[in-house]
Amino acid sequence: MTFNKPKSPSTRPPPPVVSSTNRPPANVKDALTEARAVSGAGIMRPSSPPGSMRPGGGKKTIVIVDDDASMRAALRAGLEEFYDIVEAKDGQEAVELAAKIPMPSMFVSDVMMPRMDGFTMAKILKANPILKRVPIMFVSSRNSPQDVTQALVLGARQYVLKSVPIGEIIAKIRKIVL
């Protein structure tokens, strides 16, 4: 099954839909095994197709979701040369923005935020038929195997600790979005 991005940059995805079914993915056991093996390191999932530019020539868009303004600024500084950056202060704002902006290429999100946490945001985005294919990377200070497992179950490409140097976090983002 292939996923075709909208042809026009002005095409917006439909508003996110919250699913009434919460069936766990078939890979929970594997996700738990991976989470235990991580011991605090980032987890990598297969990356997206190469190319940091959209077929029409414009930059790809990355949505940075974090209540910490300094973290958003640090990520923006390392990424804005290559990507258009959209910032949100929490999951609720990110969900609202996702319905208003051109198709994003990736969400980079904290887990603990006011109003709506990153996991709830991911559930809503993954329930949307268009946005469900957009990669999500969690960057968090939470380091429990349960958090890593939950991120993987929700379809996160990576779960990285905020203690990892910002340059490494940016490199991981660029590998996913290329």
C-alpha atoms as a PDB file:
ATOM      1  CA  MET A   1       0.000   0.000   0.000  1.00  0.00           C
ATOM      2  CA  THR A   2       1.452   3.351  -0.981  1.00  0.00           C
ATOM      3  CA  PHE A   3       0.760   6.728   0.500  1.00  0.00           C
ATOM      4  CA  ASN A   4       0.620   9.703  -1.801  1.00  0.00           C
ATOM      5  CA  LYS A   5       1.268  13.131  -0.340  1.00  0.00           C
ATOM      6  CA  PRO A   6      -0.987  15.969  -1.501  1.00  0.00           C
ATOM      7  CA  LYS A   7       0.282  17.429  -4.780  1.00  0.00           C
ATOM      8  CA  SER A   8      -0.223  21.048  -3.800  1.00  0.00           C
ATOM      9  CA  PRO A   9       1.600  22.516  -0.777  1.00  0.00           C
ATOM     10  CA  SER A  10      -1.598  24.384   0.054  1.00  0.00           C
ATOM     11  CA  THR A  11      -3.530  21.127   0.454  1.00  0.00           C
ATOM     12  CA  ARG A  12      -4.215  20.578   4.114  1.00  0.00           C
ATOM     13  CA  PRO A  13      -4.882  17.262   5.801  1.00  0.00           C
ATOM     14  CA  PRO A  14      -8.346  16.743   7.244  1.00  0.00           C
ATOM     15  CA  PRO A  15      -8.789  17.479  10.938  1.00  0.00           C
ATOM     16  CA  PRO A  16      -7.481  14.670  13.151  1.00  0.00           C
ATOM     17  CA  VAL A  17      -9.983  11.983  14.085  1.00  0.00           C
ATOM     18  CA  VAL A  18      -9.928  10.306  17.471  1.00  0.00           C
ATOM     19  CA  SER A  19     -10.380   6.561  17.137  1.00  0.00           C
ATOM     20  CA  SER A  20     -12.877   4.864  19.413  1.00  0.00           C
ATOM     21  CA  THR A  21     -10.958   1.591  19.213  1.00  0.00           C
ATOM     22  CA  ASN A  22      -7.710   1.197  21.084  1.00  0.00           C
ATOM     23  CA  ARG A  23      -6.496  -2.161  19.836  1.00  0.00           C
ATOM     24  CA  PRO A  24      -2.849  -2.772  20.733  1.00  0.00           C
ATOM     25  CA  PRO A  25      -0.538  -3.369  17.784  1.00  0.00           C
ATOM     26  CA  ALA A  26       0.634  -6.881  17.086  1.00  0.00           C
ATOM     27  CA  ASN A  27       4.246  -5.963  17.931  1.00  0.00           C
ATOM     28  CA  VAL A  28       3.836  -5.108  21.623  1.00  0.00           C
ATOM     29  CA  LYS A  29       6.044  -8.015  22.712  1.00  0.00           C
ATOM     30  CA  ASP A  30       8.745  -6.924  20.285  1.00  0.00           C
ATOM     31  CA  ALA A  31       8.367  -3.302  21.408  1.00  0.00           C
ATOM     32  CA  LEU A  32       8.825  -4.297  25.034  1.00  0.00           C
ATOM     33  CA  THR A  33      11.902  -6.338  24.160  1.00  0.00           C
ATOM     34  CA  GLU A  34      13.365  -3.363  22.285  1.00  0.00           C
ATOM     35  CA  ALA A  35      12.531  -0.993  25.130  1.00  0.00           C
ATOM     36  CA  ARG A  36      14.326  -3.158  27.674  1.00  0.00           C
ATOM     37  CA  ALA A  37      17.332  -3.476  25.387  1.00  0.00           C
ATOM     38  CA  VAL A  38      17.636   0.276  24.992  1.00  0.00           C
ATOM     39  CA  SER A  39      18.631   1.152  28.555  1.00  0.00           C
ATOM     40  CA  GLY A  40      18.165   4.849  27.877  1.00  0.00           C
ATOM     41  CA  ALA A  41      19.585   5.037  24.346  1.00  0.00           C
ATOM     42  CA  GLY A  42      17.604   6.183  21.320  1.00  0.00           C
ATOM     43  CA  ILE A  43      15.629   3.608  19.362  1.00  0.00           C
ATOM     44  CA  MET A  44      15.723   3.790  15.573  1.00  0.00           C
ATOM     45  CA  ARG A  45      12.991   2.624  13.240  1.00  0.00           C
ATOM     46  CA  PRO A  46      13.410   2.421   9.455  1.00  0.00           C
ATOM     47  CA  SER A  47      13.766   5.881   7.927  1.00  0.00           C
ATOM     48  CA  SER A  48      11.654   7.694   5.359  1.00  0.00           C
ATOM     49  CA  PRO A  49      12.582   7.888   1.661  1.00  0.00           C
ATOM     50  CA  PRO A  50      15.555  10.165   0.947  1.00  0.00           C
ATOM     51  CA  GLY A  51      15.401  13.851  -0.018  1.00  0.00           C
ATOM     52  CA  SER A  52      15.000  16.913   2.216  1.00  0.00           C
ATOM     53  CA  MET A  53      13.047  18.771  -0.458  1.00  0.00           C
ATOM     54  CA  ARG A  54       9.453  18.200  -1.502  1.00  0.00           C
ATOM     55  CA  PRO A  55       8.919  17.144  -5.115  1.00  0.00           C
ATOM     56  CA  GLY A  56       7.712  20.694  -5.921  1.00  0.00           C
ATOM     57  CA  GLY A  57      10.986  22.182  -4.639  1.00  0.00           C
ATOM     58  CA  GLY A  58       9.847  23.593  -1.275  1.00  0.00           C
ATOM     59  CA  LYS A  59      11.338  22.575   2.041  1.00  0.00           C
ATOM     60  CA  LYS A  60       9.758  19.802   4.066  1.00  0.00           C
ATOM     61  CA  THR A  61       8.013  20.831   7.284  1.00  0.00           C
ATOM     62  CA  ILE A  62       8.921  19.587  10.759  1.00  0.00           C
ATOM     63  CA  VAL A  63       6.597  20.290  13.683  1.00  0.00           C
ATOM     64  CA  ILE A  64       8.446  20.716  16.998  1.00  0.00           C
ATOM     65  CA  VAL A  65       6.194  20.138  20.014  1.00  0.00           C
ATOM     66  CA  ASP A  66       7.624  21.018  23.428  1.00  0.00           C
ATOM     67  CA  ASP A  67       6.565  23.218  26.332  1.00  0.00           C
ATOM     68  CA  ASP A  68      10.232  24.158  26.865  1.00  0.00           C
ATOM     69  CA  ALA A  69      10.934  27.205  24.659  1.00  0.00           C
ATOM     70  CA  SER A  70      14.710  26.699  24.901  1.00  0.00           C
ATOM     71  CA  MET A  71      14.429  23.137  23.557  1.00  0.00           C
ATOM     72  CA  ARG A  72      12.235  24.321  20.671  1.00  0.00           C
ATOM     73  CA  ALA A  73      14.754  27.093  19.930  1.00  0.00           C
ATOM     74  CA  ALA A  74      17.720  24.698  19.974  1.00  0.00           C
ATOM     75  CA  LEU A  75      16.004  22.274  17.596  1.00  0.00           C
ATOM     76  CA  ARG A  76      14.876  25.127  15.338  1.00  0.00           C
ATOM     77  CA  ALA A  77      18.433  26.516  15.169  1.00  0.00           C
ATOM     78  CA  GLY A  78      19.801  23.181  13.997  1.00  0.00           C
ATOM     79  CA  LEU A  79      17.031  22.377  11.531  1.00  0.00           C
ATOM     80  CA  GLU A  80      15.736  25.598   9.964  1.00  0.00           C
ATOM     81  CA  GLU A  81      18.476  25.702   7.326  1.00  0.00           C
ATOM     82  CA  PHE A  82      17.084  22.493   5.826  1.00  0.00           C
ATOM     83  CA  TYR A  83      13.396  22.446   6.815  1.00  0.00           C
ATOM     84  CA  ASP A  84      10.441  24.716   7.446  1.00  0.00           C
ATOM     85  CA  ILE A  85       9.810  24.625  11.192  1.00  0.00           C
ATOM     86  CA  VAL A  86       6.446  24.931  12.909  1.00  0.00           C
ATOM     87  CA  GLU A  87       6.414  25.112  16.716  1.00  0.00           C
ATOM     88  CA  ALA A  88       3.726  24.085  19.193  1.00  0.00           C
ATOM     89  CA  LYS A  89       3.805  24.462  22.988  1.00  0.00           C
ATOM     90  CA  ASP A  90       1.850  21.255  23.667  1.00  0.00           C
ATOM     91  CA  GLY A  91       0.070  18.358  21.998  1.00  0.00           C
ATOM     92  CA  GLN A  92      -3.243  20.156  21.702  1.00  0.00           C
ATOM     93  CA  GLU A  93      -1.693  23.045  19.794  1.00  0.00           C
ATOM     94  CA  ALA A  94       0.137  20.571  17.529  1.00  0.00           C
ATOM     95  CA  VAL A  95      -3.104  18.733  16.696  1.00  0.00           C
ATOM     96  CA  GLU A  96      -4.814  22.047  15.911  1.00  0.00           C
ATOM     97  CA  LEU A  97      -1.874  23.183  13.735  1.00  0.00           C
ATOM     98  CA  ALA A  98      -1.779  19.865  11.861  1.00  0.00           C
ATOM     99  CA  ALA A  99      -5.185  20.692  10.378  1.00  0.00           C
ATOM    100  CA  LYS A 100      -4.038  24.170   9.259  1.00  0.00           C
ATOM    101  CA  ILE A 101      -0.568  23.702   7.780  1.00  0.00           C
ATOM    102  CA  PRO A 102       0.659  21.901   4.647  1.00  0.00           C
ATOM    103  CA  MET A 103       1.399  18.211   5.155  1.00  0.00           C
ATOM    104  CA  PRO A 104       4.220  17.940   7.729  1.00  0.00           C
ATOM    105  CA  SER A 105       7.112  15.550   7.153  1.00  0.00           C
ATOM    106  CA  MET A 106       7.689  14.813  10.848  1.00  0.00           C
ATOM    107  CA  PHE A 107       6.589  15.585  14.402  1.00  0.00           C
ATOM    108  CA  VAL A 108       9.287  15.898  17.086  1.00  0.00           C
ATOM    109  CA  SER A 109       7.584  15.896  20.478  1.00  0.00           C
ATOM    110  CA  ASP A 110       8.212  15.952  24.182  1.00  0.00           C
ATOM    111  CA  VAL A 111       6.146  13.522  26.263  1.00  0.00           C
ATOM    112  CA  MET A 112       5.228  15.584  29.344  1.00  0.00           C
ATOM    113  CA  MET A 113       3.408  18.807  28.425  1.00  0.00           C
ATOM    114  CA  PRO A 114       0.415  20.786  29.719  1.00  0.00           C
ATOM    115  CA  ARG A 115      -3.082  20.393  28.234  1.00  0.00           C
ATOM    116  CA  MET A 116      -2.169  17.360  26.069  1.00  0.00           C
ATOM    117  CA  ASP A 117       0.864  15.097  26.436  1.00  0.00           C
ATOM    118  CA  GLY A 118       2.871  13.729  23.531  1.00  0.00           C
ATOM    119  CA  PHE A 119       1.429  10.210  23.731  1.00  0.00           C
ATOM    120  CA  THR A 120      -2.160  11.489  23.482  1.00  0.00           C
ATOM    121  CA  MET A 121      -1.137  13.713  20.569  1.00  0.00           C
ATOM    122  CA  ALA A 122       0.415  10.697  18.810  1.00  0.00           C
ATOM    123  CA  LYS A 123      -2.777   8.634  19.276  1.00  0.00           C
ATOM    124  CA  ILE A 124      -4.833  11.402  17.672  1.00  0.00           C
ATOM    125  CA  LEU A 125      -2.409  11.917  14.776  1.00  0.00           C
ATOM    126  CA  LYS A 126      -2.137   8.173  14.103  1.00  0.00           C
ATOM    127  CA  ALA A 127      -5.948   7.918  14.000  1.00  0.00           C
ATOM    128  CA  ASN A 128      -6.018  10.413  11.096  1.00  0.00           C
ATOM    129  CA  PRO A 129      -5.978   8.577   7.735  1.00  0.00           C
ATOM    130  CA  ILE A 130      -3.492  11.033   6.206  1.00  0.00           C
ATOM    131  CA  LEU A 131      -1.324  11.986   9.184  1.00  0.00           C
ATOM    132  CA  LYS A 132      -0.909   8.409  10.413  1.00  0.00           C
ATOM    133  CA  ARG A 133       2.065   7.951   8.057  1.00  0.00           C
ATOM    134  CA  VAL A 134       3.927  11.028   9.327  1.00  0.00           C
ATOM    135  CA  PRO A 135       6.874   9.937  11.492  1.00  0.00           C
ATOM    136  CA  ILE A 136       6.923  10.912  15.163  1.00  0.00           C
ATOM    137  CA  MET A 137      10.061  11.148  17.284  1.00  0.00           C
ATOM    138  CA  PHE A 138       9.843  11.614  21.032  1.00  0.00           C
ATOM    139  CA  VAL A 139      12.533  13.628  22.819  1.00  0.00           C
ATOM    140  CA  SER A 140      11.928  13.345  26.545  1.00  0.00           C
ATOM    141  CA  SER A 141      13.552  13.315  29.950  1.00  0.00           C
ATOM    142  CA  ARG A 142      11.419  10.294  30.899  1.00  0.00           C
ATOM    143  CA  ASN A 143      13.563   7.172  30.821  1.00  0.00           C
ATOM    144  CA  SER A 144      11.389   4.231  31.878  1.00  0.00           C
ATOM    145  CA  PRO A 145      10.987   1.108  29.723  1.00  0.00           C
ATOM    146  CA  GLN A 146       7.212   1.664  29.934  1.00  0.00           C
ATOM    147  CA  ASP A 147       7.532   5.095  28.277  1.00  0.00           C
ATOM    148  CA  VAL A 148       9.772   3.738  25.523  1.00  0.00           C
ATOM    149  CA  THR A 149       7.380   0.830  24.995  1.00  0.00           C
ATOM    150  CA  GLN A 150       4.370   3.131  24.802  1.00  0.00           C
ATOM    151  CA  ALA A 151       6.165   5.323  22.259  1.00  0.00           C
ATOM    152  CA  LEU A 152       6.997   2.315  20.080  1.00  0.00           C
ATOM    153  CA  VAL A 153       3.480   0.920  20.346  1.00  0.00           C
ATOM    154  CA  LEU A 154       2.177   4.292  19.162  1.00  0.00           C
ATOM    155  CA  GLY A 155       4.443   4.013  16.112  1.00  0.00           C
ATOM    156  CA  ALA A 156       7.287   6.356  17.079  1.00  0.00           C
ATOM    157  CA  ARG A 157      10.352   6.143  14.865  1.00  0.00           C
ATOM    158  CA  GLN A 158      12.624   7.019  17.784  1.00  0.00           C
ATOM    159  CA  TYR A 159      12.579   7.757  21.494  1.00  0.00           C
ATOM    160  CA  VAL A 160      15.556   9.881  22.529  1.00  0.00           C
ATOM    161  CA  LEU A 161      16.471  11.302  25.914  1.00  0.00           C
ATOM    162  CA  LYS A 162      16.848  15.074  26.269  1.00  0.00           C
ATOM    163  CA  SER A 163      20.236  14.437  27.855  1.00  0.00           C
ATOM    164  CA  VAL A 164      21.554  13.364  24.416  1.00  0.00           C
ATOM    165  CA  PRO A 165      23.567  16.218  22.835  1.00  0.00           C
ATOM    166  CA  ILE A 166      21.384  18.414  20.608  1.00  0.00           C
ATOM    167  CA  GLY A 167      23.623  17.724  17.592  1.00  0.00           C
ATOM    168  CA  GLU A 168      22.909  13.996  17.856  1.00  0.00           C
ATOM    169  CA  ILE A 169      19.169  14.622  18.171  1.00  0.00           C
ATOM    170  CA  ILE A 170      19.260  16.793  15.041  1.00  0.00           C
ATOM    171  CA  ALA A 171      21.248  14.120  13.169  1.00  0.00           C
ATOM    172  CA  LYS A 172      18.617  11.512  14.099  1.00  0.00           C
ATOM    173  CA  ILE A 173      15.829  13.809  12.841  1.00  0.00           C
ATOM    174  CA  ARG A 174      17.649  14.403   9.563  1.00  0.00           C
ATOM    175  CA  LYS A 175      18.136  10.643   9.056  1.00  0.00           C
ATOM    176  CA  ILE A 176      14.396  10.105   9.406  1.00  0.00           C
ATOM    177  CA  VAL A 177      13.278  12.992   7.200  1.00  0.00           C
ATOM    178  CA  LEU A 178      16.277  13.101   4.845  1.00  0.00           C
END
